[in-house]
């Protein structure tokens, strides 16, 4: 993802939200979470579930709060083997979800784009 032309570096959440909006405009419209070692779609009434080998993280972005290192999060851009695309947001560091971290250790991850309060 290329930085936007605007030079708006107001807050951590604005940058995360901008990145999420950008991904959504590129077709990453579903929201996911990890439950019981499976990636679960929050947008599907049936709660589609995926094993790590059925998921690819095509990119991920790390964000850190401008004044508080505890405000750290990671945004994954995800594609599934059945063609669904979406995102998952988790904390990282002290507040990271252990289940999410364990799940993504077994997921193919393609690219990393770091962000430290920069535009997405």
N, C-alpha and C. Protein backbone atom coordinates (compact mmCIF):
# COMPACT_ATOMS: atom_id res chain seq x y z
N UNK A 1 0.84 -1.17 0.00
CA UNK A 1 0.00 0.00 0.00
C UNK A 1 0.88 1.23 0.00
N UNK A 2 0.55 2.16 -0.84
CA UNK A 2 1.30 3.39 -0.92
C UNK A 2 0.72 4.40 0.06
N UNK A 3 1.57 5.25 0.65
CA UNK A 3 1.04 6.30 1.51
C UNK A 3 0.10 7.20 0.72
N UNK A 4 -0.93 7.71 1.39
CA UNK A 4 -1.87 8.59 0.70
C UNK A 4 -1.21 9.94 0.45
N UNK A 5 -1.77 10.69 -0.48
CA UNK A 5 -1.21 11.99 -0.82
C UNK A 5 -1.39 12.98 0.33
N UNK A 6 -2.46 12.81 1.08
CA UNK A 6 -2.69 13.71 2.22
C UNK A 6 -1.65 13.45 3.30
N UNK A 7 -1.27 14.47 4.00
CA UNK A 7 -0.27 14.34 5.04
C UNK A 7 -0.95 14.44 6.40
N UNK A 8 -2.00 13.65 6.62
CA UNK A 8 -2.78 13.68 7.85
C UNK A 8 -2.25 12.62 8.81
N UNK A 9 -1.51 13.05 9.81
CA UNK A 9 -0.94 12.12 10.79
C UNK A 9 -1.51 12.43 12.17
N UNK A 10 -2.82 12.50 12.28
CA UNK A 10 -3.44 12.97 13.50
C UNK A 10 -3.38 11.99 14.65
N UNK A 11 -3.91 10.78 14.47
CA UNK A 11 -3.92 9.83 15.58
C UNK A 11 -3.68 8.42 15.08
N UNK A 12 -3.31 7.58 16.00
CA UNK A 12 -3.08 6.16 15.73
C UNK A 12 -4.31 5.53 15.11
N UNK A 13 -5.49 5.71 15.69
CA UNK A 13 -6.70 5.08 15.18
C UNK A 13 -7.04 5.59 13.78
N UNK A 14 -6.79 6.83 13.50
CA UNK A 14 -7.04 7.35 12.16
C UNK A 14 -6.21 6.59 11.14
N UNK A 15 -4.96 6.35 11.46
CA UNK A 15 -4.11 5.62 10.53
C UNK A 15 -4.58 4.19 10.35
N UNK A 16 -4.93 3.52 11.42
CA UNK A 16 -5.44 2.16 11.33
C UNK A 16 -6.73 2.16 10.52
N UNK A 17 -7.61 3.10 10.80
CA UNK A 17 -8.87 3.17 10.07
C UNK A 17 -8.65 3.46 8.59
N UNK A 18 -7.71 4.34 8.28
CA UNK A 18 -7.41 4.62 6.88
C UNK A 18 -6.93 3.36 6.17
N UNK A 19 -6.09 2.61 6.83
CA UNK A 19 -5.58 1.38 6.24
C UNK A 19 -6.72 0.38 6.03
N UNK A 20 -7.59 0.24 7.02
CA UNK A 20 -8.74 -0.65 6.88
C UNK A 20 -9.64 -0.21 5.75
N UNK A 21 -9.88 1.10 5.64
CA UNK A 21 -10.71 1.62 4.55
C UNK A 21 -10.08 1.34 3.20
N UNK A 22 -8.77 1.49 3.12
CA UNK A 22 -8.06 1.23 1.86
C UNK A 22 -8.19 -0.24 1.47
N UNK A 23 -7.98 -1.13 2.46
CA UNK A 23 -8.13 -2.55 2.17
C UNK A 23 -9.56 -2.89 1.75
N UNK A 24 -10.54 -2.29 2.42
CA UNK A 24 -11.93 -2.55 2.05
C UNK A 24 -12.20 -2.11 0.62
N UNK A 25 -11.64 -0.98 0.21
CA UNK A 25 -11.84 -0.51 -1.16
C UNK A 25 -11.17 -1.44 -2.17
N UNK A 26 -10.20 -2.24 -1.72
CA UNK A 26 -9.53 -3.21 -2.57
C UNK A 26 -10.16 -4.60 -2.47
N UNK A 27 -11.32 -4.70 -1.80
CA UNK A 27 -12.05 -5.96 -1.77
C UNK A 27 -11.89 -6.79 -0.51
N UNK A 28 -11.19 -6.29 0.48
CA UNK A 28 -11.04 -7.01 1.75
C UNK A 28 -12.17 -6.57 2.68
N UNK A 29 -13.36 -7.13 2.42
CA UNK A 29 -14.57 -6.62 3.06
C UNK A 29 -15.04 -7.43 4.27
N UNK A 30 -14.58 -8.64 4.42
CA UNK A 30 -15.02 -9.45 5.56
C UNK A 30 -14.17 -9.16 6.79
N UNK A 31 -14.76 -9.41 7.95
CA UNK A 31 -14.05 -9.29 9.21
C UNK A 31 -13.89 -10.69 9.80
N UNK A 32 -12.74 -10.95 10.39
CA UNK A 32 -12.45 -12.26 10.95
C UNK A 32 -11.96 -12.16 12.39
N UNK A 33 -12.04 -13.29 13.09
CA UNK A 33 -11.40 -13.46 14.39
C UNK A 33 -10.99 -14.93 14.49
N UNK A 34 -10.14 -15.24 15.45
CA UNK A 34 -9.70 -16.61 15.66
C UNK A 34 -10.44 -17.17 16.88
N UNK A 35 -11.03 -18.36 16.66
CA UNK A 35 -11.73 -19.09 17.73
C UNK A 35 -11.37 -20.56 17.60
N UNK A 36 -10.95 -21.16 18.69
CA UNK A 36 -10.67 -22.60 18.73
C UNK A 36 -9.81 -23.04 17.55
N UNK A 37 -8.71 -22.36 17.34
CA UNK A 37 -7.73 -22.70 16.30
C UNK A 37 -8.26 -22.60 14.88
N UNK A 38 -9.29 -21.80 14.67
CA UNK A 38 -9.85 -21.59 13.34
C UNK A 38 -10.08 -20.10 13.12
N UNK A 39 -9.92 -19.66 11.88
CA UNK A 39 -10.30 -18.31 11.50
C UNK A 39 -11.79 -18.33 11.21
N UNK A 40 -12.54 -17.42 11.83
CA UNK A 40 -14.00 -17.42 11.71
C UNK A 40 -14.45 -16.11 11.09
N UNK A 41 -15.31 -16.20 10.09
CA UNK A 41 -15.88 -15.01 9.47
C UNK A 41 -16.97 -14.44 10.37
N UNK A 42 -16.88 -13.15 10.66
CA UNK A 42 -17.90 -12.49 11.48
C UNK A 42 -19.04 -11.97 10.61
N UNK A 43 -18.85 -12.00 9.28
CA UNK A 43 -19.84 -11.45 8.36
C UNK A 43 -20.78 -12.50 7.78
N UNK A 44 -20.55 -13.73 8.10
CA UNK A 44 -21.33 -14.82 7.55
C UNK A 44 -22.19 -15.40 8.66
N UNK A 45 -23.49 -15.44 8.46
CA UNK A 45 -24.39 -16.00 9.45
C UNK A 45 -24.06 -17.45 9.80
N UNK A 46 -23.40 -18.14 8.89
CA UNK A 46 -23.01 -19.53 9.14
C UNK A 46 -21.65 -19.63 9.82
N UNK A 47 -20.96 -18.51 9.95
CA UNK A 47 -19.66 -18.51 10.62
C UNK A 47 -18.64 -19.41 9.94
N UNK A 48 -18.37 -19.15 8.65
CA UNK A 48 -17.37 -19.95 7.93
C UNK A 48 -16.11 -20.04 8.76
N UNK A 49 -15.53 -21.23 8.81
CA UNK A 49 -14.32 -21.45 9.60
C UNK A 49 -13.22 -22.00 8.70
N UNK A 50 -11.99 -21.54 8.96
CA UNK A 50 -10.85 -21.93 8.13
C UNK A 50 -9.70 -22.42 9.01
N UNK A 51 -9.04 -23.46 8.54
CA UNK A 51 -7.80 -23.94 9.14
C UNK A 51 -6.66 -23.05 8.64
N UNK A 52 -5.53 -23.04 9.34
CA UNK A 52 -4.41 -22.20 8.89
C UNK A 52 -3.99 -22.46 7.45
N UNK A 53 -4.04 -23.69 7.00
CA UNK A 53 -3.62 -23.99 5.63
C UNK A 53 -4.63 -23.52 4.58
N UNK A 54 -5.80 -23.06 5.02
CA UNK A 54 -6.81 -22.53 4.11
C UNK A 54 -6.80 -20.99 4.05
N UNK A 55 -5.77 -20.42 4.69
CA UNK A 55 -5.70 -18.96 4.84
C UNK A 55 -4.32 -18.48 4.41
N UNK A 56 -4.31 -17.32 3.76
CA UNK A 56 -3.06 -16.66 3.41
C UNK A 56 -3.16 -15.21 3.87
N UNK A 57 -2.16 -14.75 4.60
CA UNK A 57 -2.09 -13.33 4.96
C UNK A 57 -1.27 -12.67 3.85
N UNK A 58 -1.94 -11.91 3.00
CA UNK A 58 -1.25 -11.31 1.86
C UNK A 58 -0.47 -10.07 2.27
N UNK A 59 -0.77 -9.55 3.44
CA UNK A 59 -0.04 -8.41 3.96
C UNK A 59 -0.41 -8.23 5.41
N UNK A 60 0.42 -7.54 6.16
CA UNK A 60 0.05 -7.12 7.50
C UNK A 60 0.73 -5.82 7.84
N UNK A 61 0.10 -5.09 8.74
CA UNK A 61 0.52 -3.73 9.07
C UNK A 61 0.56 -3.61 10.59
N UNK A 62 1.63 -3.07 11.11
CA UNK A 62 1.74 -2.84 12.55
C UNK A 62 1.60 -1.35 12.83
N UNK A 63 0.87 -1.07 13.89
CA UNK A 63 0.63 0.31 14.30
C UNK A 63 0.99 0.48 15.75
N UNK A 64 1.59 1.62 16.07
CA UNK A 64 1.93 1.93 17.45
C UNK A 64 1.40 3.32 17.76
N UNK A 65 0.80 3.44 18.93
CA UNK A 65 0.27 4.73 19.35
C UNK A 65 1.37 5.77 19.46
N UNK A 66 1.06 7.02 19.16
CA UNK A 66 2.07 8.07 19.14
C UNK A 66 2.69 8.37 20.51
N UNK A 67 1.94 8.12 21.58
CA UNK A 67 2.48 8.46 22.89
C UNK A 67 2.48 7.30 23.87
N UNK A 68 1.90 6.17 23.49
CA UNK A 68 1.79 5.06 24.41
C UNK A 68 2.15 3.76 23.70
N UNK A 69 3.28 3.15 24.05
CA UNK A 69 3.67 1.89 23.39
C UNK A 69 2.67 0.76 23.62
N UNK A 70 1.78 0.91 24.63
CA UNK A 70 0.77 -0.12 24.85
C UNK A 70 -0.30 -0.11 23.77
N UNK A 71 -0.40 0.98 22.99
CA UNK A 71 -1.39 1.09 21.92
C UNK A 71 -0.83 0.48 20.64
N UNK A 72 -0.55 -0.79 20.66
CA UNK A 72 0.02 -1.46 19.50
C UNK A 72 -1.00 -2.43 18.93
N UNK A 73 -1.12 -2.43 17.62
CA UNK A 73 -2.02 -3.39 16.98
C UNK A 73 -1.41 -3.84 15.66
N UNK A 74 -1.99 -4.93 15.17
CA UNK A 74 -1.57 -5.47 13.89
C UNK A 74 -2.84 -5.75 13.08
N UNK A 75 -2.80 -5.38 11.82
CA UNK A 75 -3.91 -5.57 10.90
C UNK A 75 -3.45 -6.55 9.82
N UNK A 76 -4.16 -7.66 9.69
CA UNK A 76 -3.86 -8.66 8.66
C UNK A 76 -4.83 -8.51 7.49
N UNK A 77 -4.32 -8.52 6.27
CA UNK A 77 -5.13 -8.62 5.05
C UNK A 77 -5.13 -10.09 4.67
N UNK A 78 -6.31 -10.70 4.64
CA UNK A 78 -6.44 -12.16 4.54
C UNK A 78 -7.18 -12.57 3.28
N UNK A 79 -6.69 -13.65 2.66
CA UNK A 79 -7.41 -14.31 1.58
C UNK A 79 -7.56 -15.78 1.95
N UNK A 80 -8.73 -16.34 1.65
CA UNK A 80 -8.99 -17.74 1.96
C UNK A 80 -8.98 -18.57 0.67
N UNK A 81 -8.84 -19.86 0.81
CA UNK A 81 -8.77 -20.74 -0.36
C UNK A 81 -10.06 -20.76 -1.16
N UNK A 82 -11.19 -20.38 -0.54
CA UNK A 82 -12.45 -20.35 -1.28
C UNK A 82 -12.78 -18.95 -1.83
N UNK A 83 -11.76 -18.05 -1.82
CA UNK A 83 -11.91 -16.77 -2.49
C UNK A 83 -12.41 -15.61 -1.66
N UNK A 84 -12.62 -15.80 -0.37
CA UNK A 84 -13.06 -14.69 0.47
C UNK A 84 -11.86 -13.86 0.91
N UNK A 85 -12.11 -12.55 1.09
CA UNK A 85 -11.04 -11.63 1.48
C UNK A 85 -11.54 -10.72 2.59
N UNK A 86 -10.67 -10.47 3.55
CA UNK A 86 -11.06 -9.61 4.65
C UNK A 86 -9.89 -9.27 5.55
N UNK A 87 -10.21 -8.78 6.73
CA UNK A 87 -9.18 -8.32 7.66
C UNK A 87 -9.41 -8.87 9.06
N UNK A 88 -8.34 -8.86 9.82
CA UNK A 88 -8.38 -9.20 11.23
C UNK A 88 -7.46 -8.22 11.95
N UNK A 89 -7.93 -7.64 13.04
CA UNK A 89 -7.13 -6.73 13.84
C UNK A 89 -6.88 -7.38 15.19
N UNK A 90 -5.64 -7.34 15.62
CA UNK A 90 -5.26 -7.88 16.93
C UNK A 90 -4.25 -6.93 17.56
N UNK A 91 -4.17 -6.99 18.85
CA UNK A 91 -3.10 -6.27 19.55
C UNK A 91 -1.81 -7.05 19.31
N UNK A 92 -0.68 -6.42 19.54
CA UNK A 92 0.55 -7.19 19.59
C UNK A 92 1.36 -6.69 20.77
N UNK A 93 2.29 -7.52 21.17
CA UNK A 93 3.02 -7.22 22.39
C UNK A 93 2.27 -7.79 23.58
N UNK A 94 2.27 -7.08 24.66
CA UNK A 94 1.69 -7.55 25.92
C UNK A 94 0.23 -7.95 25.80
N UNK A 95 -0.55 -7.22 25.00
CA UNK A 95 -1.99 -7.45 24.93
C UNK A 95 -2.43 -8.33 23.76
N UNK A 96 -1.50 -8.94 23.07
CA UNK A 96 -1.84 -9.79 21.93
C UNK A 96 -2.65 -11.01 22.39
N UNK A 97 -3.56 -11.42 21.54
CA UNK A 97 -4.35 -12.62 21.80
C UNK A 97 -3.49 -13.84 21.47
N UNK A 98 -3.27 -14.71 22.45
CA UNK A 98 -2.42 -15.88 22.26
C UNK A 98 -2.95 -16.80 21.16
N UNK A 99 -4.27 -16.97 21.10
CA UNK A 99 -4.86 -17.86 20.08
C UNK A 99 -4.62 -17.31 18.68
N UNK A 100 -4.77 -16.01 18.51
CA UNK A 100 -4.54 -15.40 17.20
C UNK A 100 -3.08 -15.53 16.81
N UNK A 101 -2.18 -15.25 17.73
CA UNK A 101 -0.76 -15.38 17.45
C UNK A 101 -0.37 -16.79 17.06
N UNK A 102 -0.89 -17.78 17.79
CA UNK A 102 -0.60 -19.19 17.49
C UNK A 102 -1.15 -19.57 16.12
N UNK A 103 -2.34 -19.09 15.79
CA UNK A 103 -2.94 -19.38 14.50
C UNK A 103 -2.07 -18.85 13.37
N UNK A 104 -1.64 -17.58 13.47
CA UNK A 104 -0.88 -16.96 12.39
C UNK A 104 0.55 -17.49 12.28
N UNK A 105 1.03 -18.19 13.30
CA UNK A 105 2.33 -18.85 13.16
C UNK A 105 2.27 -19.96 12.12
N UNK A 106 1.07 -20.45 11.85
CA UNK A 106 0.88 -21.54 10.89
C UNK A 106 0.27 -21.08 9.57
N UNK A 107 0.17 -19.79 9.38
CA UNK A 107 -0.42 -19.22 8.17
C UNK A 107 0.69 -18.70 7.27
N UNK A 108 0.53 -18.90 5.99
CA UNK A 108 1.47 -18.35 5.01
C UNK A 108 1.31 -16.83 4.99
N UNK A 109 2.42 -16.12 5.22
CA UNK A 109 2.40 -14.66 5.25
C UNK A 109 3.32 -14.16 4.15
N UNK A 110 2.80 -13.30 3.28
CA UNK A 110 3.52 -12.89 2.08
C UNK A 110 4.36 -11.63 2.21
N UNK A 111 3.84 -10.59 2.78
CA UNK A 111 4.47 -9.30 2.70
C UNK A 111 4.27 -8.58 4.02
N UNK A 112 5.17 -7.72 4.36
CA UNK A 112 5.01 -6.93 5.57
C UNK A 112 5.20 -5.46 5.24
N UNK A 113 4.26 -4.65 5.71
CA UNK A 113 4.38 -3.22 5.60
C UNK A 113 4.29 -2.69 7.02
N UNK A 114 5.33 -2.02 7.48
CA UNK A 114 5.33 -1.47 8.82
C UNK A 114 4.74 -0.09 8.81
N UNK A 115 4.13 0.27 9.91
CA UNK A 115 3.61 1.61 10.06
C UNK A 115 3.83 2.05 11.49
N UNK A 116 4.42 3.19 11.66
CA UNK A 116 4.58 3.78 12.98
C UNK A 116 3.96 5.16 12.94
N UNK A 117 2.61 5.17 13.03
CA UNK A 117 1.84 6.40 12.95
C UNK A 117 2.06 7.11 11.61
N UNK A 118 2.04 6.32 10.54
CA UNK A 118 2.14 6.88 9.20
C UNK A 118 0.87 6.57 8.43
N UNK A 119 0.68 7.23 7.34
CA UNK A 119 -0.51 7.00 6.53
C UNK A 119 -0.42 5.66 5.84
N UNK A 120 -1.56 5.03 5.71
CA UNK A 120 -1.60 3.74 5.02
C UNK A 120 -2.05 3.93 3.60
